[in-house]
Protein backbone atom coordinates (compact mmCIF):
# COMPACT_ATOMS: atom_id res chain seq x y z
CA UNK A 1 19.92 -47.01 -45.42
CA UNK A 2 19.38 -48.27 -49.49
CA UNK A 3 17.48 -46.92 -52.07
CA UNK A 4 16.62 -49.48 -54.25
CA UNK A 5 15.52 -48.79 -57.75
CA UNK A 6 14.03 -52.18 -59.08
CA UNK A 7 11.15 -52.85 -56.91
CA UNK A 8 7.61 -52.74 -57.33
CA UNK A 9 4.95 -51.72 -55.00
CA UNK A 10 1.86 -53.70 -54.06
CA UNK A 11 -0.90 -52.70 -52.30
CA UNK A 12 -3.30 -54.28 -49.89
CA UNK A 13 -5.83 -52.90 -47.37
CA UNK A 14 -5.04 -49.39 -48.19
CA UNK A 15 -0.73 -50.20 -46.58
CA UNK A 16 1.82 -50.18 -49.70
CA UNK A 17 4.72 -52.14 -50.22
CA UNK A 18 8.08 -52.56 -51.51
CA UNK A 19 9.13 -56.25 -52.72
CA UNK A 20 12.26 -55.66 -54.10
CA UNK A 21 13.67 -57.52 -57.07
CA UNK A 22 16.03 -59.32 -54.83
CA UNK A 23 18.20 -58.92 -51.32
CA UNK A 24 20.46 -56.09 -51.32
CA UNK A 25 24.24 -56.61 -49.74
CA UNK A 26 25.23 -54.32 -47.18
CA UNK A 27 26.78 -51.12 -48.54
CA UNK A 28 29.14 -50.88 -45.68
CA UNK A 29 30.96 -54.60 -45.44
CA UNK A 30 28.93 -55.77 -48.63
CA UNK A 31 27.94 -59.03 -46.38
CA UNK A 32 24.20 -60.82 -46.68
CA UNK A 33 21.72 -58.52 -45.62
CA UNK A 34 18.98 -60.37 -44.10
CA UNK A 35 15.13 -58.76 -43.50
CA UNK A 36 15.02 -57.90 -39.50
CA UNK A 37 11.81 -56.29 -39.32
CA UNK A 38 9.77 -53.53 -41.13
CA UNK A 39 7.92 -50.47 -39.70
CA UNK A 40 5.34 -47.93 -41.49
CA UNK A 41 5.80 -44.94 -42.97
CA UNK A 42 3.84 -42.00 -44.44
CA UNK A 43 4.31 -40.51 -48.05
CA UNK A 44 2.51 -37.82 -49.16
CA UNK A 45 1.88 -37.23 -52.81
CA UNK A 46 1.91 -33.41 -54.30
CA UNK A 47 -2.07 -33.49 -54.43
CA UNK A 48 -1.91 -34.14 -50.40
CA UNK A 49 -2.89 -37.50 -50.65
CA UNK A 50 -0.98 -39.68 -48.72
CA UNK A 51 -0.51 -42.93 -49.12
CA UNK A 52 0.95 -45.74 -46.20
CA UNK A 53 4.29 -48.04 -46.52
CA UNK A 54 5.64 -50.52 -45.25
CA UNK A 55 9.14 -50.84 -45.16
CA UNK A 56 11.90 -53.25 -45.18
CA UNK A 57 14.76 -53.40 -42.16
CA UNK A 58 17.81 -55.30 -42.91
CA UNK A 59 20.53 -56.23 -40.74
CA UNK A 60 24.38 -57.20 -42.09
CA UNK A 61 25.09 -60.95 -40.84
CA UNK A 62 28.87 -59.97 -41.52
CA UNK A 63 29.18 -56.67 -39.04
CA UNK A 64 25.31 -56.57 -37.79
CA UNK A 65 24.42 -52.60 -39.50
CA UNK A 66 20.82 -51.84 -39.74
CA UNK A 67 19.78 -50.37 -43.14
CA UNK A 68 16.52 -49.34 -44.19
CA UNK A 69 15.50 -49.63 -47.56
CA UNK A 70 13.62 -47.15 -49.44
CA UNK A 71 12.61 -46.57 -52.70
CA UNK A 72 13.51 -43.68 -55.23
CA UNK A 73 10.56 -41.81 -54.95
CA UNK A 74 11.08 -41.40 -50.93
CA UNK A 75 14.24 -38.40 -49.93
CA UNK A 76 14.97 -39.43 -46.83
CA UNK A 77 13.90 -37.48 -43.85
CA UNK A 78 11.16 -35.94 -45.72
CA UNK A 79 7.67 -37.07 -46.24
CA UNK A 80 7.08 -35.51 -49.27
CA UNK A 81 7.44 -37.39 -52.79
CA UNK A 82 10.12 -36.86 -54.71
CA UNK A 83 8.98 -35.39 -57.07
CA UNK A 84 6.76 -33.75 -55.21
CA UNK A 85 9.09 -31.90 -53.74
CA UNK A 86 11.59 -31.68 -56.57
CA UNK A 87 7.88 -30.12 -59.15
CA UNK A 88 7.61 -27.10 -55.97
CA UNK A 89 11.59 -26.64 -56.33
CA UNK A 90 11.71 -25.96 -59.59
CA UNK A 91 8.37 -24.03 -59.40
CA UNK A 92 5.67 -26.40 -62.61
CA UNK A 93 3.33 -27.43 -59.88
CA UNK A 94 1.56 -26.40 -56.70
CA UNK A 95 2.12 -28.79 -53.49
CA UNK A 96 -0.29 -29.14 -50.76
CA UNK A 97 2.33 -28.47 -48.60
CA UNK A 98 2.69 -25.37 -46.50
CA UNK A 99 4.49 -22.39 -46.65
CA UNK A 100 6.75 -23.28 -44.18
CA UNK A 101 7.22 -26.04 -45.88
CA UNK A 102 7.81 -25.12 -49.30
CA UNK A 103 9.78 -22.22 -47.60
CA UNK A 104 12.25 -24.78 -45.90
CA UNK A 105 12.66 -26.99 -48.97
CA UNK A 106 13.85 -23.88 -51.28
CA UNK A 107 15.99 -22.83 -48.19
CA UNK A 108 17.29 -25.92 -48.34
CA UNK A 109 17.17 -26.13 -51.97
CA UNK A 110 21.20 -27.08 -52.66
CA UNK A 111 20.92 -29.82 -49.84
CA UNK A 112 18.23 -31.08 -51.49
CA UNK A 113 20.49 -31.15 -54.57
CA UNK A 114 23.06 -32.18 -53.43
CA UNK A 115 21.54 -35.91 -51.54
CA UNK A 116 18.64 -35.97 -54.97
CA UNK A 117 22.58 -36.45 -57.53
CA UNK A 118 23.18 -38.83 -54.84
CA UNK A 119 20.43 -40.70 -54.60
CA UNK A 120 20.53 -40.85 -58.76
CA UNK A 121 24.21 -42.11 -58.32
CA UNK A 122 23.40 -44.94 -56.41
CA UNK A 123 25.13 -43.95 -53.50
CA UNK A 124 22.80 -45.67 -50.72
CA UNK A 125 24.88 -44.02 -48.07
CA UNK A 126 22.95 -40.36 -47.84
CA UNK A 127 23.97 -38.30 -44.81
CA UNK A 128 21.79 -35.44 -43.83
CA UNK A 129 24.20 -33.39 -42.21
CA UNK A 130 26.40 -32.94 -45.29
CA UNK A 131 27.45 -30.77 -46.84
CA UNK A 132 27.20 -26.60 -46.09
CA UNK A 133 27.71 -26.87 -42.07
CA UNK A 134 26.91 -23.19 -41.35
CA UNK A 135 23.57 -24.21 -43.08
CA UNK A 136 20.75 -23.44 -40.38
CA UNK A 137 18.53 -26.25 -41.23
CA UNK A 138 17.19 -28.60 -39.79
CA UNK A 139 19.80 -31.80 -38.80
CA UNK A 140 23.31 -29.59 -38.85
């Protein structure tokens, strides 16, 4: 997974496209990446509106691994926007998410904070299973 920080968002027919400033290198081996295909992903904002993003998947020409390019407004494995999750966990804003989802975010708070710190550092490989392996969160 590649987390992009330098990109532009373009809207066309209700779909949002991430246009990176440059083609990223492979985070595993540093090889040249080629666009393989794309996939749709829905992002839910704090007010409950849903935006559909078309995300590119790249394939390394050296090691053959496939990497998804995520903008930094998304958190891996989460449907809600990064800002919605952070503001809700801090208690700054009420989110349109169900109570069970907010409860899970609070229960996973330590793990989510670690993910956000790793994303801010620019570490492209963030594993959902990293961290406390005794946690009963989804994915562990």
